[in-house]
Amino acid sequence: MLAGQGARLGARALDGVFQVAAVIVVLVVVGIVQALLPRGAGVGIPTALAGIVGVVAVLFYEPFMNWKYGGTFGKRICGLRIARLNDGADLSFGQAVGRWAVVFPMGFVPFLGLLNVLWCCWDEPFRQCLHDKVAGTVVVKRV
């Protein structure tokens, strides 16, 4: 059974909230570590490490969750799962990375990221976003 547009958009919004919260936590931890270090000791090292961890987390969060658990935290909370369009099976790790490789750059093109996410609101018959069409995926209700 296909996921409703409201549940999909809600899941995306929840994921955005979780990602912002994670960034805030990392920034607070970096601030605390820098405040505890003596002046001039290890200048920039905590920030650089946090940046590396942040980039890795952003690049691998969605593909890993979609491959291992069928969806991100937001999708799981909303009772959704990502499946292959042709047979409804779970995504392989390569398919999950490929799907994200389409989603991620769209966010850097003005209005394309928003258009991509909203595309499921009028797409027929599978309610796919643009990245779903490219990746051959569909979002369904979790059973």
C-alpha atoms as a PDB file:
ATOM      1  CA  MET A   1       0.000   0.000   0.000  1.00  0.00           C
ATOM      2  CA  LEU A   2       1.447   3.346  -1.031  1.00  0.00           C
ATOM      3  CA  ALA A   3       2.340   5.898   1.623  1.00  0.00           C
ATOM      4  CA  GLY A   4       0.247   9.047   1.799  1.00  0.00           C
ATOM      5  CA  GLN A   5       1.762  12.390   0.885  1.00  0.00           C
ATOM      6  CA  GLY A   6       1.199  13.781   4.381  1.00  0.00           C
ATOM      7  CA  ALA A   7       3.077  10.915   6.016  1.00  0.00           C
ATOM      8  CA  ARG A   8       5.950  11.284   3.543  1.00  0.00           C
ATOM      9  CA  LEU A   9       6.237  15.022   4.071  1.00  0.00           C
ATOM     10  CA  GLY A  10       5.920  14.560   7.839  1.00  0.00           C
ATOM     11  CA  ALA A  11       8.727  11.998   7.783  1.00  0.00           C
ATOM     12  CA  ARG A  12      10.946  14.390   5.813  1.00  0.00           C
ATOM     13  CA  ALA A  13      10.172  17.176   8.299  1.00  0.00           C
ATOM     14  CA  LEU A  14      10.992  14.910  11.259  1.00  0.00           C
ATOM     15  CA  ASP A  15      14.290  13.947   9.644  1.00  0.00           C
ATOM     16  CA  GLY A  16      15.091  17.632   9.214  1.00  0.00           C
ATOM     17  CA  VAL A  17      14.395  18.260  12.905  1.00  0.00           C
ATOM     18  CA  PHE A  18      16.569  15.299  13.907  1.00  0.00           C
ATOM     19  CA  GLN A  19      19.427  16.495  11.710  1.00  0.00           C
ATOM     20  CA  VAL A  20      19.281  20.039  13.095  1.00  0.00           C
ATOM     21  CA  ALA A  21      19.215  18.643  16.641  1.00  0.00           C
ATOM     22  CA  ALA A  22      22.243  16.469  15.880  1.00  0.00           C
ATOM     23  CA  VAL A  23      24.165  19.476  14.545  1.00  0.00           C
ATOM     24  CA  ILE A  24      23.310  21.468  17.666  1.00  0.00           C
ATOM     25  CA  VAL A  25      24.501  18.628  19.915  1.00  0.00           C
ATOM     26  CA  VAL A  26      27.785  18.380  17.990  1.00  0.00           C
ATOM     27  CA  LEU A  27      28.319  22.151  18.192  1.00  0.00           C
ATOM     28  CA  VAL A  28      27.639  22.168  21.937  1.00  0.00           C
ATOM     29  CA  VAL A  29      30.065  19.291  22.518  1.00  0.00           C
ATOM     30  CA  VAL A  30      32.732  21.037  20.417  1.00  0.00           C
ATOM     31  CA  GLY A  31      32.167  24.249  22.388  1.00  0.00           C
ATOM     32  CA  ILE A  32      32.522  22.429  25.707  1.00  0.00           C
ATOM     33  CA  VAL A  33      35.691  20.632  24.575  1.00  0.00           C
ATOM     34  CA  GLN A  34      37.230  23.885  23.342  1.00  0.00           C
ATOM     35  CA  ALA A  35      36.303  25.652  26.591  1.00  0.00           C
ATOM     36  CA  LEU A  36      37.997  22.905  28.628  1.00  0.00           C
ATOM     37  CA  LEU A  37      41.232  22.960  26.608  1.00  0.00           C
ATOM     38  CA  PRO A  38      43.969  25.357  27.711  1.00  0.00           C
ATOM     39  CA  ARG A  39      44.249  28.458  25.516  1.00  0.00           C
ATOM     40  CA  GLY A  40      46.087  27.707  22.303  1.00  0.00           C
ATOM     41  CA  ALA A  41      46.133  23.938  22.868  1.00  0.00           C
ATOM     42  CA  GLY A  42      44.716  21.947  19.964  1.00  0.00           C
ATOM     43  CA  VAL A  43      43.260  24.991  18.247  1.00  0.00           C
ATOM     44  CA  GLY A  44      40.788  23.857  15.604  1.00  0.00           C
ATOM     45  CA  ILE A  45      41.218  20.122  16.174  1.00  0.00           C
ATOM     46  CA  PRO A  46      37.820  19.586  17.878  1.00  0.00           C
ATOM     47  CA  THR A  47      36.134  21.683  15.206  1.00  0.00           C
ATOM     48  CA  ALA A  48      37.847  19.772  12.397  1.00  0.00           C
ATOM     49  CA  LEU A  49      36.929  16.410  13.934  1.00  0.00           C
ATOM     50  CA  ALA A  50      33.343  17.529  14.405  1.00  0.00           C
ATOM     51  CA  GLY A  51      33.251  18.685  10.794  1.00  0.00           C
ATOM     52  CA  ILE A  52      34.531  15.336   9.536  1.00  0.00           C
ATOM     53  CA  VAL A  53      32.042  13.424  11.691  1.00  0.00           C
ATOM     54  CA  GLY A  54      29.255  15.738  10.533  1.00  0.00           C
ATOM     55  CA  VAL A  55      30.027  15.271   6.846  1.00  0.00           C
ATOM     56  CA  VAL A  56      30.232  11.487   7.218  1.00  0.00           C
ATOM     57  CA  ALA A  57      26.959  11.449   9.168  1.00  0.00           C
ATOM     58  CA  VAL A  58      25.144  13.560   6.579  1.00  0.00           C
ATOM     59  CA  LEU A  59      26.454  11.505   3.674  1.00  0.00           C
ATOM     60  CA  PHE A  60      25.738   8.081   5.178  1.00  0.00           C
ATOM     61  CA  TYR A  61      22.739   8.566   7.513  1.00  0.00           C
ATOM     62  CA  GLU A  62      20.022   8.268   4.912  1.00  0.00           C
ATOM     63  CA  PRO A  63      21.581   5.544   2.715  1.00  0.00           C
ATOM     64  CA  PHE A  64      22.517   3.427   5.735  1.00  0.00           C
ATOM     65  CA  MET A  65      19.095   3.739   7.390  1.00  0.00           C
ATOM     66  CA  ASN A  66      17.250   3.084   4.122  1.00  0.00           C
ATOM     67  CA  TRP A  67      19.335  -0.021   3.447  1.00  0.00           C
ATOM     68  CA  LYS A  68      19.487  -1.474   6.961  1.00  0.00           C
ATOM     69  CA  TYR A  69      16.039  -0.523   8.315  1.00  0.00           C
ATOM     70  CA  GLY A  70      13.978   0.357   5.243  1.00  0.00           C
ATOM     71  CA  GLY A  71      13.796   4.035   6.141  1.00  0.00           C
ATOM     72  CA  THR A  72      15.146   6.885   8.197  1.00  0.00           C
ATOM     73  CA  PHE A  73      14.002   7.615  11.759  1.00  0.00           C
ATOM     74  CA  GLY A  74      11.341   9.962  10.389  1.00  0.00           C
ATOM     75  CA  LYS A  75      10.005   7.333   7.998  1.00  0.00           C
ATOM     76  CA  ARG A  76      10.019   4.667  10.707  1.00  0.00           C
ATOM     77  CA  ILE A  77       8.119   6.930  13.124  1.00  0.00           C
ATOM     78  CA  CYS A  78       5.555   7.650  10.404  1.00  0.00           C
ATOM     79  CA  GLY A  79       5.198   3.938   9.614  1.00  0.00           C
ATOM     80  CA  LEU A  80       6.818   4.084   6.187  1.00  0.00           C
ATOM     81  CA  ARG A  81       9.365   2.018   4.307  1.00  0.00           C
ATOM     82  CA  ILE A  82      11.238   2.422   1.023  1.00  0.00           C
ATOM     83  CA  ALA A  83      10.876  -0.403  -1.473  1.00  0.00           C
ATOM     84  CA  ARG A  84      11.936  -1.174  -5.004  1.00  0.00           C
ATOM     85  CA  LEU A  85       9.183  -0.261  -7.432  1.00  0.00           C
ATOM     86  CA  ASN A  86       9.488  -3.392  -9.575  1.00  0.00           C
ATOM     87  CA  ASP A  87       9.111  -5.999  -6.801  1.00  0.00           C
ATOM     88  CA  GLY A  88       8.544  -4.271  -3.439  1.00  0.00           C
ATOM     89  CA  ALA A  89      11.766  -5.684  -1.987  1.00  0.00           C
ATOM     90  CA  ASP A  90      14.103  -3.806   0.335  1.00  0.00           C
ATOM     91  CA  LEU A  91      16.907  -1.757  -1.181  1.00  0.00           C
ATOM     92  CA  SER A  92      20.447  -3.058  -1.408  1.00  0.00           C
ATOM     93  CA  PHE A  93      23.151  -0.803   0.010  1.00  0.00           C
ATOM     94  CA  GLY A  94      24.128   0.221  -3.526  1.00  0.00           C
ATOM     95  CA  GLN A  95      20.534   1.131  -4.382  1.00  0.00           C
ATOM     96  CA  ALA A  96      20.212   3.148  -1.177  1.00  0.00           C
ATOM     97  CA  VAL A  97      23.423   5.040  -1.951  1.00  0.00           C
ATOM     98  CA  GLY A  98      22.262   5.605  -5.530  1.00  0.00           C
ATOM     99  CA  ARG A  99      18.931   6.979  -4.337  1.00  0.00           C
ATOM    100  CA  TRP A 100      20.713   9.365  -1.975  1.00  0.00           C
ATOM    101  CA  ALA A 101      23.176  10.342  -4.721  1.00  0.00           C
ATOM    102  CA  VAL A 102      20.159  11.722  -6.590  1.00  0.00           C
ATOM    103  CA  VAL A 103      18.514  13.400  -3.560  1.00  0.00           C
ATOM    104  CA  PHE A 104      21.583  15.103  -2.109  1.00  0.00           C
ATOM    105  CA  PRO A 105      22.654  17.317  -5.042  1.00  0.00           C
ATOM    106  CA  MET A 106      19.058  18.385  -5.700  1.00  0.00           C
ATOM    107  CA  GLY A 107      19.131  20.231  -2.385  1.00  0.00           C
ATOM    108  CA  PHE A 108      21.807  22.576  -3.713  1.00  0.00           C
ATOM    109  CA  VAL A 109      19.838  23.699  -6.772  1.00  0.00           C
ATOM    110  CA  PRO A 110      17.423  26.529  -5.932  1.00  0.00           C
ATOM    111  CA  PHE A 111      13.857  25.234  -5.706  1.00  0.00           C
ATOM    112  CA  LEU A 112      14.765  21.802  -7.132  1.00  0.00           C
ATOM    113  CA  GLY A 113      15.112  20.289  -3.648  1.00  0.00           C
ATOM    114  CA  LEU A 114      11.670  21.615  -2.703  1.00  0.00           C
ATOM    115  CA  LEU A 115      10.161  20.526  -6.024  1.00  0.00           C
ATOM    116  CA  ASN A 116      11.688  17.070  -5.561  1.00  0.00           C
ATOM    117  CA  VAL A 117      10.109  16.591  -2.119  1.00  0.00           C
ATOM    118  CA  LEU A 118       6.720  17.981  -3.152  1.00  0.00           C
ATOM    119  CA  TRP A 119       6.542  15.978  -6.404  1.00  0.00           C
ATOM    120  CA  CYS A 120       4.819  13.088  -4.575  1.00  0.00           C
ATOM    121  CA  CYS A 121       1.817  15.357  -3.929  1.00  0.00           C
ATOM    122  CA  TRP A 122       0.682  15.208  -7.564  1.00  0.00           C
ATOM    123  CA  ASP A 123       2.507  12.218  -9.032  1.00  0.00           C
ATOM    124  CA  GLU A 124       0.341   9.384 -10.330  1.00  0.00           C
ATOM    125  CA  PRO A 125       0.063   6.454  -9.941  1.00  0.00           C
ATOM    126  CA  PHE A 126       2.910   5.763  -7.484  1.00  0.00           C
ATOM    127  CA  ARG A 127       3.212   9.082  -5.551  1.00  0.00           C
ATOM    128  CA  GLN A 128       6.933   9.182  -6.283  1.00  0.00           C
ATOM    129  CA  CYS A 129       9.271  12.088  -5.694  1.00  0.00           C
ATOM    130  CA  LEU A 130      11.743  12.849  -8.471  1.00  0.00           C
ATOM    131  CA  HIS A 131      14.497  10.889  -6.721  1.00  0.00           C
ATOM    132  CA  ASP A 132      12.169   7.871  -6.461  1.00  0.00           C
ATOM    133  CA  LYS A 133      11.578   7.997 -10.208  1.00  0.00           C
ATOM    134  CA  VAL A 134      15.315   8.063 -10.944  1.00  0.00           C
ATOM    135  CA  ALA A 135      16.119   5.341  -8.379  1.00  0.00           C
ATOM    136  CA  GLY A 136      13.128   3.124  -9.192  1.00  0.00           C
ATOM    137  CA  THR A 137      11.797   3.242  -5.634  1.00  0.00           C
ATOM    138  CA  VAL A 138       8.474   3.845  -3.951  1.00  0.00           C
ATOM    139  CA  VAL A 139       7.519   4.657  -0.367  1.00  0.00           C
ATOM    140  CA  VAL A 140       4.964   2.292   1.155  1.00  0.00           C
ATOM    141  CA  LYS A 141       3.264   1.784   4.485  1.00  0.00           C
ATOM    142  CA  ARG A 142       5.239  -0.448   6.829  1.00  0.00           C
ATOM    143  CA  VAL A 143       3.434  -3.714   7.605  1.00  0.00           C
END
